[in-house]
Every structure is written in structure tokens, then in C-alpha cells.
Amino acid sequence: MLLKEIMDTMATRVLNDEPISPASWVESALRVNALKGELDNELIAYELLIADSVAKMIEEGKSGTIADKLCKRGETYKKYLELKAELKRIEEFIRLAKRRATIQEW
């Protein structure tokens, strides 16, 4: 199962008020955590692309501030921010899944 499928399945179950066992929460969190490595690597690649763009502009004579601002207006930076937000949601899902499993065990 792909990361997005796991996230979508759990979101649907929550929205439908479907009972979810503590084991299901933990299993989903473990799978999501194992699969998010690819997204982590993709985020790193975007960071490096942006850093390279800034460095090239500085080498061309632009100031660091201007180079930084120019790089933040492009499609690469937009994708970087979207991916960063997605990873933040995934990390929050993992945290909440662990918490939810703990609460349900009481």
C-alpha cells in the first residue's frame, strides 16, 4: 500500500466515524513512517536545487537577499513548500496515531 493510500484510508475511516482499533492506528503509523523516507529524500533534493539556484545568482553578482527572494518565487520553491507541508501532516498523523492508540488502550 502506498503512503497516500494509507493516509486517505485512515482519513476516510475517521470521517465516517468508523471504529479503529489501537493496533490499526499503530500499524498505519508504522507503515507511513517507513514509507515517508522517499518524501524526505525528495525534500532534500528540492532544498539542494534551491540552494544551487541561490548560489548561481550570487556568483552572477546578485546579493544573497535578492537571490533568495528570486528563488522563492519559482515553481521549484512552490513544490518544496507543498512537500514540506505534506511531510508535516504525515508527522502529525504519526504522532496522533500513537496518541490515539494509547488513549484507546485505557
PDB file of N, CA and C in Angstrom:
ATOM      1  N   MET A   1       0.843  -1.180   0.000  1.00  0.00           N
ATOM      2  CA  MET A   1       0.000   0.000   0.000  1.00  0.00           C
ATOM      3  C   MET A   1       0.888   1.243   0.000  1.00  0.00           C
ATOM      4  N   LEU A   2       0.541   2.203  -0.792  1.00  0.00           N
ATOM      5  CA  LEU A   2       1.306   3.436  -0.876  1.00  0.00           C
ATOM      6  C   LEU A   2       0.951   4.379   0.272  1.00  0.00           C
ATOM      7  N   LEU A   3       1.860   5.272   0.552  1.00  0.00           N
ATOM      8  CA  LEU A   3       1.698   6.217   1.651  1.00  0.00           C
ATOM      9  C   LEU A   3       0.396   7.003   1.535  1.00  0.00           C
ATOM     10  N   LYS A   4       0.125   7.531   0.359  1.00  0.00           N
ATOM     11  CA  LYS A   4      -1.099   8.322   0.154  1.00  0.00           C
ATOM     12  C   LYS A   4      -2.346   7.472   0.393  1.00  0.00           C
ATOM     13  N   GLU A   5      -2.308   6.224  -0.047  1.00  0.00           N
ATOM     14  CA  GLU A   5      -3.449   5.323   0.155  1.00  0.00           C
ATOM     15  C   GLU A   5      -3.707   5.084   1.644  1.00  0.00           C
ATOM     16  N   ILE A   6      -2.649   4.898   2.407  1.00  0.00           N
ATOM     17  CA  ILE A   6      -2.797   4.690   3.854  1.00  0.00           C
ATOM     18  C   ILE A   6      -3.412   5.920   4.497  1.00  0.00           C
ATOM     19  N   MET A   7      -2.863   7.084   4.150  1.00  0.00           N
ATOM     20  CA  MET A   7      -3.370   8.333   4.720  1.00  0.00           C
ATOM     21  C   MET A   7      -4.835   8.550   4.335  1.00  0.00           C
ATOM     22  N   ASP A   8      -5.171   8.320   3.070  1.00  0.00           N
ATOM     23  CA  ASP A   8      -6.548   8.507   2.598  1.00  0.00           C
ATOM     24  C   ASP A   8      -7.508   7.520   3.262  1.00  0.00           C
ATOM     25  N   THR A   9      -7.073   6.273   3.401  1.00  0.00           N
ATOM     26  CA  THR A   9      -7.911   5.250   4.034  1.00  0.00           C
ATOM     27  C   THR A   9      -8.214   5.613   5.479  1.00  0.00           C
ATOM     28  N   MET A  10      -7.194   6.027   6.206  1.00  0.00           N
ATOM     29  CA  MET A  10      -7.401   6.379   7.620  1.00  0.00           C
ATOM     30  C   MET A  10      -8.261   7.638   7.734  1.00  0.00           C
ATOM     31  N   ALA A  11      -8.055   8.603   6.852  1.00  0.00           N
ATOM     32  CA  ALA A  11      -8.874   9.821   6.882  1.00  0.00           C
ATOM     33  C   ALA A  11     -10.340   9.478   6.624  1.00  0.00           C
ATOM     34  N   THR A  12     -10.593   8.604   5.664  1.00  0.00           N
ATOM     35  CA  THR A  12     -11.961   8.193   5.358  1.00  0.00           C
ATOM     36  C   THR A  12     -12.591   7.485   6.551  1.00  0.00           C
ATOM     37  N   ARG A  13     -11.829   6.599   7.179  1.00  0.00           N
ATOM     38  CA  ARG A  13     -12.356   5.872   8.342  1.00  0.00           C
ATOM     39  C   ARG A  13     -12.701   6.830   9.485  1.00  0.00           C
ATOM     40  N   VAL A  14     -11.852   7.827   9.691  1.00  0.00           N
ATOM     41  CA  VAL A  14     -12.107   8.807  10.755  1.00  0.00           C
ATOM     42  C   VAL A  14     -13.339   9.643  10.410  1.00  0.00           C
ATOM     43  N   LEU A  15     -13.406  10.115   9.171  1.00  0.00           N
ATOM     44  CA  LEU A  15     -14.550  10.939   8.758  1.00  0.00           C
ATOM     45  C   LEU A  15     -15.869  10.172   8.812  1.00  0.00           C
ATOM     46  N   ASN A  16     -15.813   8.865   8.591  1.00  0.00           N
ATOM     47  CA  ASN A  16     -17.017   8.032   8.635  1.00  0.00           C
ATOM     48  C   ASN A  16     -17.327   7.515  10.036  1.00  0.00           C
ATOM     49  N   ASP A  17     -16.577   7.994  11.024  1.00  0.00           N
ATOM     50  CA  ASP A  17     -16.740   7.559  12.411  1.00  0.00           C
ATOM     51  C   ASP A  17     -16.657   6.041  12.556  1.00  0.00           C
ATOM     52  N   GLU A  18     -15.811   5.444  11.771  1.00  0.00           N
ATOM     53  CA  GLU A  18     -15.599   4.004  11.812  1.00  0.00           C
ATOM     54  C   GLU A  18     -14.708   3.676  13.010  1.00  0.00           C
ATOM     55  N   PRO A  19     -15.056   2.679  13.796  1.00  0.00           N
ATOM     56  CA  PRO A  19     -14.170   2.309  14.913  1.00  0.00           C
ATOM     57  C   PRO A  19     -12.819   1.811  14.374  1.00  0.00           C
ATOM     58  N   ILE A  20     -11.759   2.308  14.969  1.00  0.00           N
ATOM     59  CA  ILE A  20     -10.415   1.906  14.562  1.00  0.00           C
ATOM     60  C   ILE A  20      -9.683   1.413  15.803  1.00  0.00           C
ATOM     61  N   SER A  21      -9.214   0.197  15.737  1.00  0.00           N
ATOM     62  CA  SER A  21      -8.543  -0.403  16.895  1.00  0.00           C
ATOM     63  C   SER A  21      -7.182   0.250  17.134  1.00  0.00           C
ATOM     64  N   PRO A  22      -6.682   0.177  18.374  1.00  0.00           N
ATOM     65  CA  PRO A  22      -5.349   0.700  18.647  1.00  0.00           C
ATOM     66  C   PRO A  22      -4.286   0.069  17.741  1.00  0.00           C
ATOM     67  N   ALA A  23      -4.436  -1.223  17.468  1.00  0.00           N
ATOM     68  CA  ALA A  23      -3.470  -1.912  16.606  1.00  0.00           C
ATOM     69  C   ALA A  23      -3.485  -1.321  15.187  1.00  0.00           C
ATOM     70  N   SER A  24      -4.657  -0.970  14.685  1.00  0.00           N
ATOM     71  CA  SER A  24      -4.750  -0.368  13.343  1.00  0.00           C
ATOM     72  C   SER A  24      -4.075   0.993  13.303  1.00  0.00           C
ATOM     73  N   TRP A  25      -4.254   1.786  14.368  1.00  0.00           N
ATOM     74  CA  TRP A  25      -3.597   3.092  14.429  1.00  0.00           C
ATOM     75  C   TRP A  25      -2.077   2.922  14.404  1.00  0.00           C
ATOM     76  N   VAL A  26      -1.574   2.012  15.230  1.00  0.00           N
ATOM     77  CA  VAL A  26      -0.129   1.806  15.307  1.00  0.00           C
ATOM     78  C   VAL A  26       0.407   1.247  13.994  1.00  0.00           C
ATOM     79  N   GLU A  27      -0.290   0.272  13.422  1.00  0.00           N
ATOM     80  CA  GLU A  27       0.139  -0.321  12.155  1.00  0.00           C
ATOM     81  C   GLU A  27       0.195   0.736  11.042  1.00  0.00           C
ATOM     82  N   SER A  28      -0.815   1.575  10.973  1.00  0.00           N
ATOM     83  CA  SER A  28      -0.830   2.642   9.964  1.00  0.00           C
ATOM     84  C   SER A  28       0.327   3.612  10.172  1.00  0.00           C
ATOM     85  N   ALA A  29       0.567   3.987  11.418  1.00  0.00           N
ATOM     86  CA  ALA A  29       1.666   4.909  11.719  1.00  0.00           C
ATOM     87  C   ALA A  29       3.018   4.296  11.353  1.00  0.00           C
ATOM     88  N   LEU A  30       3.193   3.011  11.635  1.00  0.00           N
ATOM     89  CA  LEU A  30       4.453   2.336  11.295  1.00  0.00           C
ATOM     90  C   LEU A  30       4.669   2.296   9.784  1.00  0.00           C
ATOM     91  N   ARG A  31       3.612   1.969   9.051  1.00  0.00           N
ATOM     92  CA  ARG A  31       3.726   1.906   7.592  1.00  0.00           C
ATOM     93  C   ARG A  31       4.023   3.295   7.002  1.00  0.00           C
ATOM     94  N   VAL A  32       3.300   4.291   7.470  1.00  0.00           N
ATOM     95  CA  VAL A  32       3.504   5.654   6.973  1.00  0.00           C
ATOM     96  C   VAL A  32       4.932   6.107   7.273  1.00  0.00           C
ATOM     97  N   ASN A  33       5.395   5.838   8.461  1.00  0.00           N
ATOM     98  CA  ASN A  33       6.748   6.233   8.845  1.00  0.00           C
ATOM     99  C   ASN A  33       7.791   5.536   7.971  1.00  0.00           C
ATOM    100  N   ALA A  34       7.569   4.266   7.689  1.00  0.00           N
ATOM    101  CA  ALA A  34       8.509   3.522   6.853  1.00  0.00           C
ATOM    102  C   ALA A  34       8.530   4.050   5.415  1.00  0.00           C
ATOM    103  N   LEU A  35       7.391   4.497   4.920  1.00  0.00           N
ATOM    104  CA  LEU A  35       7.288   4.942   3.531  1.00  0.00           C
ATOM    105  C   LEU A  35       7.652   6.409   3.312  1.00  0.00           C
ATOM    106  N   LYS A  36       7.712   7.198   4.376  1.00  0.00           N
ATOM    107  CA  LYS A  36       7.944   8.628   4.197  1.00  0.00           C
ATOM    108  C   LYS A  36       9.388   8.970   3.857  1.00  0.00           C
ATOM    109  N   GLY A  37      10.259   7.993   3.885  1.00  0.00           N
ATOM    110  CA  GLY A  37      11.665   8.225   3.542  1.00  0.00           C
ATOM    111  C   GLY A  37      11.842   8.783   2.142  1.00  0.00           C
ATOM    112  N   GLU A  38      11.039   8.299   1.203  1.00  0.00           N
ATOM    113  CA  GLU A  38      11.129   8.806  -0.173  1.00  0.00           C
ATOM    114  C   GLU A  38      10.789  10.299  -0.228  1.00  0.00           C
ATOM    115  N   LEU A  39       9.772  10.692   0.543  1.00  0.00           N
ATOM    116  CA  LEU A  39       9.406  12.108   0.572  1.00  0.00           C
ATOM    117  C   LEU A  39      10.492  12.940   1.241  1.00  0.00           C
ATOM    118  N   ASP A  40      11.116  12.381   2.279  1.00  0.00           N
ATOM    119  CA  ASP A  40      12.234  13.076   2.928  1.00  0.00           C
ATOM    120  C   ASP A  40      13.350  13.331   1.916  1.00  0.00           C
ATOM    121  N   ASN A  41      13.661  12.308   1.117  1.00  0.00           N
ATOM    122  CA  ASN A  41      14.714  12.450   0.110  1.00  0.00           C
ATOM    123  C   ASN A  41      14.331  13.464  -0.963  1.00  0.00           C
ATOM    124  N   GLU A  42      13.065  13.470  -1.345  1.00  0.00           N
ATOM    125  CA  GLU A  42      12.593  14.429  -2.339  1.00  0.00           C
ATOM    126  C   GLU A  42      12.705  15.859  -1.808  1.00  0.00           C
ATOM    127  N   LEU A  43      12.380  16.040  -0.530  1.00  0.00           N
ATOM    128  CA  LEU A  43      12.501  17.361   0.085  1.00  0.00           C
ATOM    129  C   LEU A  43      13.955  17.824   0.076  1.00  0.00           C
ATOM    130  N   ILE A  44      14.858  16.933   0.390  1.00  0.00           N
ATOM    131  CA  ILE A  44      16.288  17.256   0.381  1.00  0.00           C
ATOM    132  C   ILE A  44      16.724  17.672  -1.027  1.00  0.00           C
ATOM    133  N   ALA A  45      16.236  16.954  -2.029  1.00  0.00           N
ATOM    134  CA  ALA A  45      16.588  17.286  -3.417  1.00  0.00           C
ATOM    135  C   ALA A  45      16.114  18.688  -3.783  1.00  0.00           C
ATOM    136  N   TYR A  46      14.900  19.040  -3.355  1.00  0.00           N
ATOM    137  CA  TYR A  46      14.394  20.390  -3.631  1.00  0.00           C
ATOM    138  C   TYR A  46      15.224  21.443  -2.902  1.00  0.00           C
ATOM    139  N   GLU A  47      15.601  21.165  -1.670  1.00  0.00           N
ATOM    140  CA  GLU A  47      16.429  22.112  -0.920  1.00  0.00           C
ATOM    141  C   GLU A  47      17.756  22.353  -1.638  1.00  0.00           C
ATOM    142  N   LEU A  48      18.343  21.278  -2.161  1.00  0.00           N
ATOM    143  CA  LEU A  48      19.610  21.407  -2.876  1.00  0.00           C
ATOM    144  C   LEU A  48      19.441  22.184  -4.186  1.00  0.00           C
ATOM    145  N   LEU A  49      18.345  21.953  -4.898  1.00  0.00           N
ATOM    146  CA  LEU A  49      18.073  22.711  -6.125  1.00  0.00           C
ATOM    147  C   LEU A  49      17.956  24.207  -5.835  1.00  0.00           C
ATOM    148  N   ILE A  50      17.247  24.524  -4.777  1.00  0.00           N
ATOM    149  CA  ILE A  50      17.060  25.925  -4.406  1.00  0.00           C
ATOM    150  C   ILE A  50      18.399  26.551  -3.987  1.00  0.00           C
ATOM    151  N   ALA A  51      19.171  25.805  -3.199  1.00  0.00           N
ATOM    152  CA  ALA A  51      20.481  26.306  -2.765  1.00  0.00           C
ATOM    153  C   ALA A  51      21.398  26.526  -3.963  1.00  0.00           C
ATOM    154  N   ASP A  52      21.356  25.618  -4.937  1.00  0.00           N
ATOM    155  CA  ASP A  52      22.168  25.783  -6.153  1.00  0.00           C
ATOM    156  C   ASP A  52      21.751  27.029  -6.925  1.00  0.00           C
ATOM    157  N   SER A  53      20.447  27.255  -7.018  1.00  0.00           N
ATOM    158  CA  SER A  53      19.948  28.437  -7.732  1.00  0.00           C
ATOM    159  C   SER A  53      20.407  29.719  -7.045  1.00  0.00           C
ATOM    160  N   VAL A  54      20.324  29.731  -5.731  1.00  0.00           N
ATOM    161  CA  VAL A  54      20.769  30.907  -4.972  1.00  0.00           C
ATOM    162  C   VAL A  54      22.266  31.123  -5.202  1.00  0.00           C
ATOM    163  N   ALA A  55      23.043  30.050  -5.122  1.00  0.00           N
ATOM    164  CA  ALA A  55      24.489  30.157  -5.304  1.00  0.00           C
ATOM    165  C   ALA A  55      24.835  30.686  -6.696  1.00  0.00           C
ATOM    166  N   LYS A  56      24.139  30.219  -7.729  1.00  0.00           N
ATOM    167  CA  LYS A  56      24.398  30.689  -9.096  1.00  0.00           C
ATOM    168  C   LYS A  56      24.108  32.180  -9.226  1.00  0.00           C
ATOM    169  N   MET A  57      23.017  32.621  -8.615  1.00  0.00           N
ATOM    170  CA  MET A  57      22.663  34.044  -8.694  1.00  0.00           C
ATOM    171  C   MET A  57      23.684  34.903  -7.960  1.00  0.00           C
ATOM    172  N   ILE A  58      24.180  34.397  -6.848  1.00  0.00           N
ATOM    173  CA  ILE A  58      25.215  35.128  -6.097  1.00  0.00           C
ATOM    174  C   ILE A  58      26.484  35.216  -6.938  1.00  0.00           C
ATOM    175  N   GLU A  59      26.832  34.102  -7.607  1.00  0.00           N
ATOM    176  CA  GLU A  59      28.008  34.102  -8.478  1.00  0.00           C
ATOM    177  C   GLU A  59      27.847  35.079  -9.644  1.00  0.00           C
ATOM    178  N   GLU A  60      26.599  35.312 -10.041  1.00  0.00           N
ATOM    179  CA  GLU A  60      26.313  36.257 -11.128  1.00  0.00           C
ATOM    180  C   GLU A  60      26.329  37.708 -10.646  1.00  0.00           C
ATOM    181  N   GLY A  61      26.487  37.907  -9.326  1.00  0.00           N
ATOM    182  CA  GLY A  61      26.609  39.253  -8.803  1.00  0.00           C
ATOM    183  C   GLY A  61      25.427  39.766  -8.007  1.00  0.00           C
ATOM    184  N   LYS A  62      24.388  38.972  -7.878  1.00  0.00           N
ATOM    185  CA  LYS A  62      23.240  39.409  -7.082  1.00  0.00           C
ATOM    186  C   LYS A  62      23.560  39.224  -5.599  1.00  0.00           C
ATOM    187  N   SER A  63      22.918  40.019  -4.770  1.00  0.00           N
ATOM    188  CA  SER A  63      23.120  39.862  -3.333  1.00  0.00           C
ATOM    189  C   SER A  63      22.406  38.591  -2.861  1.00  0.00           C
ATOM    190  N   GLY A  64      22.818  38.100  -1.717  1.00  0.00           N
ATOM    191  CA  GLY A  64      22.209  36.895  -1.162  1.00  0.00           C
ATOM    192  C   GLY A  64      20.723  37.069  -0.919  1.00  0.00           C
ATOM    193  N   THR A  65      20.330  38.230  -0.428  1.00  0.00           N
ATOM    194  CA  THR A  65      18.920  38.500  -0.137  1.00  0.00           C
ATOM    195  C   THR A  65      18.082  38.488  -1.410  1.00  0.00           C
ATOM    196  N   ILE A  66      18.583  39.144  -2.437  1.00  0.00           N
ATOM    197  CA  ILE A  66      17.851  39.199  -3.704  1.00  0.00           C
ATOM    198  C   ILE A  66      17.792  37.801  -4.334  1.00  0.00           C
ATOM    199  N   ALA A  67      18.901  37.084  -4.321  1.00  0.00           N
ATOM    200  CA  ALA A  67      18.941  35.733  -4.881  1.00  0.00           C
ATOM    201  C   ALA A  67      17.944  34.831  -4.160  1.00  0.00           C
ATOM    202  N   ASP A  68      17.899  34.950  -2.850  1.00  0.00           N
ATOM    203  CA  ASP A  68      16.971  34.145  -2.053  1.00  0.00           C
ATOM    204  C   ASP A  68      15.522  34.457  -2.427  1.00  0.00           C
ATOM    205  N   LYS A  69      15.215  35.736  -2.527  1.00  0.00           N
ATOM    206  CA  LYS A  69      13.844  36.146  -2.876  1.00  0.00           C
ATOM    207  C   LYS A  69      13.460  35.700  -4.286  1.00  0.00           C
ATOM    208  N   LEU A  70      14.380  35.803  -5.222  1.00  0.00           N
ATOM    209  CA  LEU A  70      14.095  35.379  -6.584  1.00  0.00           C
ATOM    210  C   LEU A  70      13.843  33.865  -6.670  1.00  0.00           C
ATOM    211  N   CYS A  71      14.585  33.106  -5.909  1.00  0.00           N
ATOM    212  CA  CYS A  71      14.404  31.651  -5.928  1.00  0.00           C
ATOM    213  C   CYS A  71      13.097  31.228  -5.260  1.00  0.00           C
ATOM    214  N   LYS A  72      12.600  32.036  -4.363  1.00  0.00           N
ATOM    215  CA  LYS A  72      11.364  31.698  -3.656  1.00  0.00           C
ATOM    216  C   LYS A  72      10.112  32.024  -4.466  1.00  0.00           C
ATOM    217  N   ARG A  73      10.267  32.519  -5.656  1.00  0.00           N
ATOM    218  CA  ARG A  73       9.079  32.831  -6.449  1.00  0.00           C
ATOM    219  C   ARG A  73       8.820  31.797  -7.538  1.00  0.00           C
ATOM    220  N   GLY A  74       9.690  30.812  -7.642  1.00  0.00           N
ATOM    221  CA  GLY A  74       9.578  29.839  -8.720  1.00  0.00           C
ATOM    222  C   GLY A  74       8.765  28.604  -8.357  1.00  0.00           C
ATOM    223  N   GLU A  75       8.560  27.788  -9.366  1.00  0.00           N
ATOM    224  CA  GLU A  75       7.796  26.545  -9.229  1.00  0.00           C
ATOM    225  C   GLU A  75       8.510  25.546  -8.308  1.00  0.00           C
ATOM    226  N   THR A  76       9.833  25.525  -8.365  1.00  0.00           N
ATOM    227  CA  THR A  76      10.595  24.609  -7.511  1.00  0.00           C
ATOM    228  C   THR A  76      10.331  24.913  -6.044  1.00  0.00           C
ATOM    229  N   TYR A  77      10.320  26.174  -5.695  1.00  0.00           N
ATOM    230  CA  TYR A  77      10.081  26.555  -4.300  1.00  0.00           C
ATOM    231  C   TYR A  77       8.649  26.215  -3.886  1.00  0.00           C
ATOM    232  N   LYS A  78       7.714  26.405  -4.809  1.00  0.00           N
ATOM    233  CA  LYS A  78       6.318  26.052  -4.519  1.00  0.00           C
ATOM    234  C   LYS A  78       6.195  24.554  -4.219  1.00  0.00           C
ATOM    235  N   LYS A  79       6.824  23.737  -5.050  1.00  0.00           N
ATOM    236  CA  LYS A  79       6.790  22.284  -4.829  1.00  0.00           C
ATOM    237  C   LYS A  79       7.477  21.918  -3.518  1.00  0.00           C
ATOM    238  N   TYR A  80       8.554  22.613  -3.213  1.00  0.00           N
ATOM    239  CA  TYR A  80       9.266  22.400  -1.949  1.00  0.00           C
ATOM    240  C   TYR A  80       8.345  22.673  -0.759  1.00  0.00           C
ATOM    241  N   LEU A  81       7.626  23.795  -0.808  1.00  0.00           N
ATOM    242  CA  LEU A  81       6.718  24.139   0.289  1.00  0.00           C
ATOM    243  C   LEU A  81       5.560  23.143   0.403  1.00  0.00           C
ATOM    244  N   GLU A  82       5.029  22.705  -0.737  1.00  0.00           N
ATOM    245  CA  GLU A  82       3.946  21.719  -0.721  1.00  0.00           C
ATOM    246  C   GLU A  82       4.414  20.406  -0.107  1.00  0.00           C
ATOM    247  N   LEU A  83       5.595  19.974  -0.485  1.00  0.00           N
ATOM    248  CA  LEU A  83       6.148  18.731   0.050  1.00  0.00           C
ATOM    249  C   LEU A  83       6.446  18.862   1.535  1.00  0.00           C
ATOM    250  N   LYS A  84       6.963  19.999   1.922  1.00  0.00           N
ATOM    251  CA  LYS A  84       7.251  20.260   3.340  1.00  0.00           C
ATOM    252  C   LYS A  84       5.961  20.207   4.165  1.00  0.00           C
ATOM    253  N   ALA A  85       4.883  20.787   3.639  1.00  0.00           N
ATOM    254  CA  ALA A  85       3.589  20.766   4.321  1.00  0.00           C
ATOM    255  C   ALA A  85       3.046  19.337   4.406  1.00  0.00           C
ATOM    256  N   GLU A  86       3.214  18.576   3.330  1.00  0.00           N
ATOM    257  CA  GLU A  86       2.752  17.184   3.334  1.00  0.00           C
ATOM    258  C   GLU A  86       3.496  16.365   4.378  1.00  0.00           C
ATOM    259  N   LEU A  87       4.798  16.557   4.466  1.00  0.00           N
ATOM    260  CA  LEU A  87       5.583  15.838   5.470  1.00  0.00           C
ATOM    261  C   LEU A  87       5.183  16.246   6.886  1.00  0.00           C
ATOM    262  N   LYS A  88       4.849  17.497   7.069  1.00  0.00           N
ATOM    263  CA  LYS A  88       4.400  17.958   8.381  1.00  0.00           C
ATOM    264  C   LYS A  88       3.083  17.263   8.757  1.00  0.00           C
ATOM    265  N   ARG A  89       2.156  17.149   7.783  1.00  0.00           N
ATOM    266  CA  ARG A  89       0.893  16.450   8.036  1.00  0.00           C
ATOM    267  C   ARG A  89       1.136  14.978   8.363  1.00  0.00           C
ATOM    268  N   ILE A  90       2.081  14.365   7.671  1.00  0.00           N
ATOM    269  CA  ILE A  90       2.401  12.962   7.904  1.00  0.00           C
ATOM    270  C   ILE A  90       2.977  12.778   9.302  1.00  0.00           C
ATOM    271  N   GLU A  91       3.882  13.651   9.685  1.00  0.00           N
ATOM    272  CA  GLU A  91       4.474  13.564  11.023  1.00  0.00           C
ATOM    273  C   GLU A  91       3.417  13.758  12.105  1.00  0.00           C
ATOM    274  N   GLU A  92       2.488  14.665  11.865  1.00  0.00           N
ATOM    275  CA  GLU A  92       1.397  14.887  12.822  1.00  0.00           C
ATOM    276  C   GLU A  92       0.477  13.672  12.868  1.00  0.00           C
ATOM    277  N   PHE A  93       0.222  13.054  11.728  1.00  0.00           N
ATOM    278  CA  PHE A  93      -0.587  11.837  11.689  1.00  0.00           C
ATOM    279  C   PHE A  93       0.062  10.747  12.536  1.00  0.00           C
ATOM    280  N   ILE A  94       1.361  10.568  12.383  1.00  0.00           N
ATOM    281  CA  ILE A  94       2.069   9.543  13.152  1.00  0.00           C
ATOM    282  C   ILE A  94       1.966   9.837  14.641  1.00  0.00           C
ATOM    283  N   ARG A  95       2.178  11.080  15.010  1.00  0.00           N
ATOM    284  CA  ARG A  95       2.094  11.465  16.420  1.00  0.00           C
ATOM    285  C   ARG A  95       0.696  11.214  16.974  1.00  0.00           C
ATOM    286  N   LEU A  96      -0.320  11.640  16.226  1.00  0.00           N
ATOM    287  CA  LEU A  96      -1.697  11.465  16.676  1.00  0.00           C
ATOM    288  C   LEU A  96      -2.122  10.002  16.687  1.00  0.00           C
ATOM    289  N   ALA A  97      -1.636   9.223  15.724  1.00  0.00           N
ATOM    290  CA  ALA A  97      -1.969   7.796  15.688  1.00  0.00           C
ATOM    291  C   ALA A  97      -1.431   7.092  16.926  1.00  0.00           C
ATOM    292  N   LYS A  98      -0.205   7.430  17.320  1.00  0.00           N
ATOM    293  CA  LYS A  98       0.362   6.832  18.536  1.00  0.00           C
ATOM    294  C   LYS A  98      -0.431   7.261  19.761  1.00  0.00           C
ATOM    295  N   ARG A  99      -0.779   8.526  19.801  1.00  0.00           N
ATOM    296  CA  ARG A  99      -1.558   9.050  20.938  1.00  0.00           C
ATOM    297  C   ARG A  99      -2.933   8.404  20.984  1.00  0.00           C
ATOM    298  N   ARG A 100      -3.577   8.301  19.837  1.00  0.00           N
ATOM    299  CA  ARG A 100      -4.911   7.702  19.757  1.00  0.00           C
ATOM    300  C   ARG A 100      -4.871   6.241  20.225  1.00  0.00           C
ATOM    301  N   ALA A 101      -3.855   5.506  19.830  1.00  0.00           N
ATOM    302  CA  ALA A 101      -3.723   4.108  20.247  1.00  0.00           C
ATOM    303  C   ALA A 101      -3.548   4.012  21.751  1.00  0.00           C
ATOM    304  N   THR A 102      -2.782   4.923  22.319  1.00  0.00           N
ATOM    305  CA  THR A 102      -2.568   4.930  23.772  1.00  0.00           C
ATOM    306  C   THR A 102      -3.856   5.245  24.504  1.00  0.00           C
ATOM    307  N   ILE A 103      -4.600   6.221  24.029  1.00  0.00           N
ATOM    308  CA  ILE A 103      -5.864   6.608  24.673  1.00  0.00           C
ATOM    309  C   ILE A 103      -6.868   5.466  24.634  1.00  0.00           C
ATOM    310  N   GLN A 104      -6.949   4.781  23.488  1.00  0.00           N
ATOM    311  CA  GLN A 104      -7.938   3.700  23.339  1.00  0.00           C
ATOM    312  C   GLN A 104      -7.603   2.484  24.185  1.00  0.00           C
ATOM    313  N   GLU A 105      -6.354   2.331  24.591  1.00  0.00           N
ATOM    314  CA  GLU A 105      -5.977   1.175  25.398  1.00  0.00           C
ATOM    315  C   GLU A 105      -6.445   1.315  26.840  1.00  0.00           C
ATOM    316  N   TRP A 106      -6.811   2.512  27.269  1.00  0.00           N
ATOM    317  CA  TRP A 106      -7.227   2.718  28.655  1.00  0.00           C
ATOM    318  C   TRP A 106      -8.534   2.084  28.916  1.00  0.00           C
TER     319      TRP A 106
END
